[in-house]
């Protein structure tokens, strides 16, 4: 018996030593990787907003300016990069990294919907892109554009919601499903993983393995450490942001297009219970349809064979509605 405990103790000490060595190696690997990442030249430009630098990526010239707002996502402007490459340069397209995401500095402003909209408005002014703006918001980004429309309606000529999050989703979902879809990321674990080099391995291949996403797939694991804290901070404020956004119920007469994912299998990997999955599909469809009430000039477009990330699953659909709205705005002049 004593021999057993002796060997058990040795094995335990050996495993502990191995774990410590792996953590040290991971920590060193992360430090070296971050040092290398700091040498990468940003793909866009910077403007100072409220005493900190925000990064943006702009293509084209002339108005209107299509302004992309990203989801709850560490990839920032990279989620729109491939779409911007395909849009005509006869008008301006503009994506950016919210404060603390990728190349944008965190600054001191709180992570509230009002302040995020204010920072974006100042960034657009500082970057001298032409007005008016067409706002394109995916998921959480669709919630955030509500604040921009509410605060600067005179600058907005159109809104496109890409499978947008519904800020008052609680009234559409059962308590069980609401808790499931709003449980969020494990913040403590991700901070640990980000410190010891695990996060960059976990988020490798975040974009589809296609040629048009080669740049994003190379950048995302490399730059993830820059976004991690800000993304978790946005998660901490998600509930209050949604609560405030739910109070914004009208865009007036501003044209609104609603892109909705309609692949019936889009929740197969995330929701195993058949009844909950059916509830989620029906509830999401109802939320998306109710977005029509936001504007007196609204239209919903169902996107087949697409999951929540329509900008990746069917970028052509996003490009088409953007070009259609630009044409509509230009012909109104």
Protein backbone atom coordinates (compact mmCIF):
# COMPACT_ATOMS: atom_id res chain seq x y z
CA UNK A 1 0.00 0.00 0.00
CA UNK A 2 2.84 2.37 0.87
CA UNK A 3 4.44 1.62 -2.49
CA UNK A 4 1.19 2.50 -4.27
CA UNK A 5 0.92 5.89 -2.55
CA UNK A 6 4.61 6.49 -3.21
CA UNK A 7 4.14 5.96 -6.94
CA UNK A 8 0.87 7.89 -6.93
CA UNK A 9 2.64 10.84 -5.32
CA UNK A 10 5.46 10.66 -7.87
CA UNK A 11 3.03 10.58 -10.76
CA UNK A 12 1.14 13.53 -9.29
CA UNK A 13 4.33 15.53 -8.87
CA UNK A 14 5.40 14.61 -12.41
CA UNK A 15 2.09 15.74 -13.88
CA UNK A 16 2.21 18.97 -11.89
CA UNK A 17 5.73 19.66 -13.12
CA UNK A 18 4.66 18.91 -16.71
CA UNK A 19 1.70 21.27 -16.46
CA UNK A 20 3.92 24.02 -15.04
CA UNK A 21 6.43 23.53 -17.86
CA UNK A 22 3.66 23.64 -20.47
CA UNK A 23 2.26 26.83 -18.96
CA UNK A 24 5.71 28.44 -18.94
CA UNK A 25 6.24 27.39 -22.56
CA UNK A 26 2.78 28.71 -23.49
CA UNK A 27 3.43 32.00 -21.72
CA UNK A 28 6.76 32.46 -23.53
CA UNK A 29 5.16 31.47 -26.86
CA UNK A 30 2.41 34.05 -26.30
CA UNK A 31 4.89 36.81 -25.46
CA UNK A 32 7.02 36.07 -28.56
CA UNK A 33 3.92 35.89 -30.76
CA UNK A 34 2.65 39.23 -29.47
CA UNK A 35 6.02 40.82 -30.08
CA UNK A 36 5.92 39.57 -33.68
CA UNK A 37 2.33 40.78 -34.08
CA UNK A 38 3.28 44.30 -33.05
CA UNK A 39 5.45 44.49 -36.16
CA UNK A 40 2.50 43.92 -38.50
CA UNK A 41 1.45 47.01 -40.44
CA UNK A 42 -2.29 47.73 -40.02
CA UNK A 43 -4.27 47.43 -43.25
CA UNK A 44 -6.14 50.71 -42.74
CA UNK A 45 -5.78 54.14 -41.20
CA UNK A 46 -6.24 55.77 -37.80
CA UNK A 47 -8.05 58.79 -36.44
CA UNK A 48 -8.02 60.17 -32.92
CA UNK A 49 -11.37 60.00 -31.17
CA UNK A 50 -11.75 61.17 -27.57
CA UNK A 51 -7.99 60.94 -26.95
CA UNK A 52 -7.49 57.44 -28.36
CA UNK A 53 -6.77 56.02 -31.80
CA UNK A 54 -9.46 54.13 -33.71
CA UNK A 55 -8.57 52.01 -36.72
CA UNK A 56 -10.68 51.98 -39.89
CA UNK A 57 -10.51 50.43 -43.35
CA UNK A 58 -11.87 52.45 -46.27
CA UNK A 59 -12.32 51.70 -49.96
CA UNK A 60 -13.80 53.73 -52.80
CA UNK A 61 -14.75 57.38 -52.93
CA UNK A 62 -17.87 59.44 -53.28
CA UNK A 63 -21.19 59.07 -51.53
CA UNK A 64 -23.08 57.52 -50.04
CA UNK A 65 -20.77 55.84 -47.52
CA UNK A 66 -21.62 52.28 -46.52
CA UNK A 67 -20.68 51.89 -42.85
CA UNK A 68 -20.23 48.39 -41.44
CA UNK A 69 -20.85 47.57 -37.77
CA UNK A 70 -19.51 44.22 -36.61
CA UNK A 71 -21.17 41.63 -34.41
CA UNK A 72 -20.01 40.58 -30.94
CA UNK A 73 -16.80 39.36 -32.50
CA UNK A 74 -13.01 39.70 -31.97
CA UNK A 75 -12.45 39.99 -35.75
CA UNK A 76 -13.60 43.60 -35.97
CA UNK A 77 -13.41 45.02 -39.49
CA UNK A 78 -12.03 41.71 -40.82
CA UNK A 79 -15.60 40.36 -40.91
CA UNK A 80 -16.33 42.77 -43.77
CA UNK A 81 -12.93 42.78 -45.48
CA UNK A 82 -13.82 40.29 -48.24
CA UNK A 83 -17.10 42.05 -48.99
CA UNK A 84 -15.39 45.43 -49.29
CA UNK A 85 -13.05 43.97 -51.90
CA UNK A 86 -16.07 43.17 -54.09
CA UNK A 87 -18.02 46.42 -53.76
CA UNK A 88 -17.67 49.09 -56.47
CA UNK A 89 -15.23 51.92 -55.74
CA UNK A 90 -17.73 54.42 -57.15
CA UNK A 91 -19.00 54.86 -53.59
CA UNK A 92 -17.26 54.58 -50.22
CA UNK A 93 -17.27 51.52 -47.97
CA UNK A 94 -16.06 51.88 -44.40
CA UNK A 95 -15.41 49.28 -41.70
CA UNK A 96 -13.70 49.83 -38.37
CA UNK A 97 -12.60 48.23 -35.11
CA UNK A 98 -14.56 49.29 -32.05
CA UNK A 99 -12.48 50.58 -29.15
CA UNK A 100 -10.18 47.85 -27.84
CA UNK A 101 -10.75 45.57 -30.84
CA UNK A 102 -7.79 44.62 -33.06
CA UNK A 103 -5.82 47.79 -33.83
CA UNK A 104 -8.11 50.28 -32.08
CA UNK A 105 -7.04 51.56 -28.67
CA UNK A 106 -9.46 51.02 -25.79
CA UNK A 107 -9.74 54.62 -24.59
CA UNK A 108 -11.74 55.68 -21.51
CA UNK A 109 -15.34 55.80 -22.76
CA UNK A 110 -17.78 53.28 -21.31
CA UNK A 111 -19.00 50.40 -23.44
CA UNK A 112 -22.53 51.73 -23.85
CA UNK A 113 -24.60 51.86 -27.01
CA UNK A 114 -24.68 55.66 -26.92
CA UNK A 115 -20.92 56.01 -26.57
CA UNK A 116 -20.15 53.41 -29.24
CA UNK A 117 -22.40 55.33 -31.66
CA UNK A 118 -20.79 58.61 -30.63
CA UNK A 119 -17.29 57.24 -31.23
CA UNK A 120 -18.27 55.91 -34.66
CA UNK A 121 -19.83 59.25 -35.61
CA UNK A 122 -16.70 61.14 -34.58
CA UNK A 123 -14.54 58.61 -36.45
CA UNK A 124 -16.56 59.11 -39.63
CA UNK A 125 -16.22 62.89 -39.26
CA UNK A 126 -12.46 62.65 -38.65
CA UNK A 127 -11.93 60.32 -41.64
CA UNK A 128 -13.76 62.75 -43.96
CA UNK A 129 -15.94 60.14 -45.66
CA UNK A 130 -18.90 61.61 -47.55
CA UNK A 131 -22.40 61.72 -46.14
CA UNK A 132 -25.04 60.35 -46.07
CA UNK A 133 -24.41 56.95 -44.47
CA UNK A 134 -25.90 53.54 -45.12
CA UNK A 135 -25.47 51.49 -41.94
CA UNK A 136 -24.91 47.74 -42.20
CA UNK A 137 -25.08 45.85 -38.90
CA UNK A 138 -24.64 42.13 -38.34
CA UNK A 139 -26.03 40.43 -35.22
CA UNK A 140 -24.97 42.57 -32.20
CA UNK A 141 -23.95 45.20 -34.76
CA UNK A 142 -27.63 45.41 -35.75
CA UNK A 143 -28.44 46.34 -32.16
CA UNK A 144 -25.69 48.97 -32.10
CA UNK A 145 -26.85 50.74 -35.28
CA UNK A 146 -30.10 51.58 -33.50
CA UNK A 147 -28.21 54.02 -31.32
CA UNK A 148 -26.54 55.66 -34.33
CA UNK A 149 -29.87 56.11 -36.12
CA UNK A 150 -31.45 57.48 -32.96
CA UNK A 151 -28.64 59.98 -32.31
CA UNK A 152 -27.78 61.04 -35.88
CA UNK A 153 -30.87 60.42 -38.08
CA UNK A 154 -30.00 63.40 -40.30
CA UNK A 155 -26.83 61.58 -41.44
CA UNK A 156 -28.44 58.20 -42.17
CA UNK A 157 -29.98 57.44 -45.56
CA UNK A 158 -30.48 53.69 -45.17
CA UNK A 159 -30.07 50.72 -42.82
CA UNK A 160 -29.33 47.06 -43.59
CA UNK A 161 -29.72 44.52 -40.78
CA UNK A 162 -27.83 41.27 -41.42
CA UNK A 163 -29.48 38.54 -39.31
CA UNK A 164 -29.57 41.13 -36.55
CA UNK A 165 -29.78 40.39 -32.87
CA UNK A 166 -33.11 41.34 -31.30
CA UNK A 167 -32.48 43.51 -28.21
CA UNK A 168 -35.72 42.45 -26.51
CA UNK A 169 -35.40 38.74 -27.36
CA UNK A 170 -36.51 37.80 -23.84
CA UNK A 171 -40.15 38.36 -24.75
CA UNK A 172 -39.85 35.94 -27.69
CA UNK A 173 -38.10 33.05 -25.91
CA UNK A 174 -38.94 30.62 -23.14
CA UNK A 175 -36.84 31.09 -19.97
CA UNK A 176 -34.85 27.93 -20.77
CA UNK A 177 -34.01 28.99 -24.31
CA UNK A 178 -33.29 32.59 -23.30
CA UNK A 179 -30.78 31.39 -20.73
CA UNK A 180 -29.16 29.07 -23.28
CA UNK A 181 -28.66 31.64 -26.04
CA UNK A 182 -27.53 34.40 -23.67
CA UNK A 183 -25.09 32.43 -21.53
CA UNK A 184 -22.10 34.13 -23.16
CA UNK A 185 -18.44 33.19 -23.33
CA UNK A 186 -16.54 31.75 -20.34
CA UNK A 187 -14.64 34.93 -19.51
CA UNK A 188 -12.28 33.53 -16.86
CA UNK A 189 -11.19 30.61 -19.02
CA UNK A 190 -10.68 32.78 -22.13
CA UNK A 191 -8.52 35.25 -20.19
CA UNK A 192 -6.43 32.32 -18.97
CA UNK A 193 -6.24 30.87 -22.50
CA UNK A 194 -5.23 34.26 -23.90
CA UNK A 195 -2.37 34.58 -21.40
CA UNK A 196 -0.87 31.16 -22.10
CA UNK A 197 -1.18 30.96 -25.89
CA UNK A 198 -4.21 28.67 -26.05
CA UNK A 199 -6.68 31.22 -27.40
CA UNK A 200 -4.82 31.72 -30.66
CA UNK A 201 -5.02 27.96 -31.24
CA UNK A 202 -8.73 27.84 -30.35
CA UNK A 203 -9.62 30.60 -32.83
CA UNK A 204 -7.46 29.29 -35.67
CA UNK A 205 -9.54 28.84 -38.83
CA UNK A 206 -12.23 31.22 -37.62
CA UNK A 207 -13.14 32.05 -41.22
CA UNK A 208 -13.99 29.57 -43.99
CA UNK A 209 -11.02 27.81 -45.61
CA UNK A 210 -11.43 29.66 -48.90
CA UNK A 211 -9.10 31.93 -50.86
CA UNK A 212 -11.06 35.11 -50.12
CA UNK A 213 -10.58 34.52 -46.38
CA UNK A 214 -6.86 33.73 -46.47
CA UNK A 215 -5.87 37.13 -45.12
CA UNK A 216 -8.45 37.02 -42.32
CA UNK A 217 -7.44 33.49 -41.29
CA UNK A 218 -3.80 34.55 -41.09
CA UNK A 219 -4.54 37.72 -39.11
CA UNK A 220 -7.16 36.51 -36.66
CA UNK A 221 -5.09 34.09 -34.51
CA UNK A 222 -2.17 36.53 -34.62
CA UNK A 223 -4.17 39.53 -33.44
CA UNK A 224 -6.72 37.84 -31.19
CA UNK A 225 -4.93 38.90 -28.01
CA UNK A 226 -5.62 42.53 -28.91
CA UNK A 227 -9.39 41.98 -28.95
CA UNK A 228 -9.93 39.53 -26.10
CA UNK A 229 -10.40 41.92 -23.17
CA UNK A 230 -12.61 44.36 -25.09
CA UNK A 231 -14.86 41.57 -26.37
CA UNK A 232 -15.36 40.24 -22.84
CA UNK A 233 -16.03 43.79 -21.65
CA UNK A 234 -18.72 44.16 -24.33
CA UNK A 235 -20.21 40.89 -23.09
CA UNK A 236 -20.35 42.30 -19.55
CA UNK A 237 -22.35 45.27 -20.85
CA UNK A 238 -24.47 43.34 -23.36
CA UNK A 239 -27.56 43.20 -21.16
CA UNK A 240 -27.67 46.95 -20.50
CA UNK A 241 -26.93 47.76 -24.16
CA UNK A 242 -29.80 45.53 -25.29
CA UNK A 243 -32.14 47.06 -22.70
CA UNK A 244 -31.38 50.57 -23.97
CA UNK A 245 -31.60 49.52 -27.62
CA UNK A 246 -35.05 47.97 -27.09
CA UNK A 247 -36.36 51.46 -26.27
CA UNK A 248 -35.47 52.63 -29.81
CA UNK A 249 -38.48 51.44 -31.75
CA UNK A 250 -38.53 53.53 -34.91
CA UNK A 251 -36.21 54.65 -37.71
CA UNK A 252 -38.99 56.82 -39.12
CA UNK A 253 -38.98 56.82 -42.92
CA UNK A 254 -35.33 55.74 -43.31
CA UNK A 255 -35.22 52.81 -45.78
CA UNK A 256 -34.58 49.49 -44.04
CA UNK A 257 -33.59 46.13 -45.54
CA UNK A 258 -33.62 43.04 -43.33
CA UNK A 259 -31.48 40.08 -44.37
CA UNK A 260 -32.55 36.92 -42.53
CA UNK A 261 -30.79 33.55 -42.55
CA UNK A 262 -33.27 30.82 -43.49
CA UNK A 263 -31.32 27.55 -43.56
CA UNK A 264 -33.52 25.17 -41.50
CA UNK A 265 -30.38 23.36 -40.29
CA UNK A 266 -28.61 26.47 -39.02
CA UNK A 267 -29.01 25.54 -35.34
CA UNK A 268 -28.18 21.83 -35.67
CA UNK A 269 -24.70 22.19 -34.19
CA UNK A 270 -25.63 24.53 -31.33
CA UNK A 271 -29.01 23.23 -30.14
CA UNK A 272 -29.44 19.46 -29.82
CA UNK A 273 -32.92 19.37 -28.28
CA UNK A 274 -35.42 19.20 -31.18
CA UNK A 275 -38.17 21.14 -29.39
CA UNK A 276 -35.82 23.94 -28.35
CA UNK A 277 -34.37 24.06 -31.85
CA UNK A 278 -37.83 24.41 -33.40
CA UNK A 279 -38.70 27.08 -30.83
CA UNK A 280 -35.52 28.98 -31.70
CA UNK A 281 -36.23 28.88 -35.44
CA UNK A 282 -39.81 30.11 -34.98
CA UNK A 283 -38.83 32.79 -32.46
CA UNK A 284 -35.95 34.06 -34.61
CA UNK A 285 -38.22 34.25 -37.66
CA UNK A 286 -40.77 36.24 -35.63
CA UNK A 287 -38.07 38.63 -34.33
CA UNK A 288 -36.75 39.24 -37.83
CA UNK A 289 -40.23 39.84 -39.23
CA UNK A 290 -41.01 42.30 -36.45
CA UNK A 291 -38.00 44.40 -37.50
CA UNK A 292 -40.20 45.54 -40.39
CA UNK A 293 -42.01 47.74 -37.87
CA UNK A 294 -38.86 49.83 -37.33
CA UNK A 295 -39.41 51.78 -40.56
CA UNK A 296 -42.27 52.83 -42.79
CA UNK A 297 -40.05 51.84 -45.73
CA UNK A 298 -38.91 48.31 -44.87
CA UNK A 299 -38.41 45.00 -46.64
CA UNK A 300 -37.28 41.55 -45.49
CA UNK A 301 -35.15 39.23 -47.64
CA UNK A 302 -34.74 35.57 -46.70
CA UNK A 303 -31.31 34.14 -47.47
CA UNK A 304 -31.42 30.37 -48.18
CA UNK A 305 -28.51 28.04 -47.41
CA UNK A 306 -27.14 30.46 -44.86
CA UNK A 307 -26.56 30.40 -41.14
CA UNK A 308 -26.19 33.37 -38.80
CA UNK A 309 -22.98 34.59 -40.47
CA UNK A 310 -24.57 35.51 -43.79
CA UNK A 311 -21.55 37.70 -44.54
CA UNK A 312 -19.50 34.50 -44.72
CA UNK A 313 -22.07 31.93 -45.88
CA UNK A 314 -23.52 34.08 -48.65
CA UNK A 315 -21.55 37.32 -49.06
CA UNK A 316 -23.08 37.83 -52.52
CA UNK A 317 -26.46 38.36 -50.86
CA UNK A 318 -24.98 41.12 -48.67
CA UNK A 319 -23.22 42.73 -51.63
CA UNK A 320 -26.43 42.71 -53.68
CA UNK A 321 -28.61 44.43 -51.07
CA UNK A 322 -25.90 47.05 -50.50
CA UNK A 323 -25.65 47.82 -54.21
CA UNK A 324 -29.46 47.87 -54.51
CA UNK A 325 -29.78 50.33 -51.65
CA UNK A 326 -27.01 52.55 -53.02
CA UNK A 327 -28.77 52.62 -56.40
CA UNK A 328 -32.06 53.46 -54.69
CA UNK A 329 -30.49 56.36 -52.78
CA UNK A 330 -28.70 57.73 -55.85
CA UNK A 331 -31.86 57.60 -57.98
CA UNK A 332 -33.74 59.56 -55.34
CA UNK A 333 -31.47 62.55 -55.87
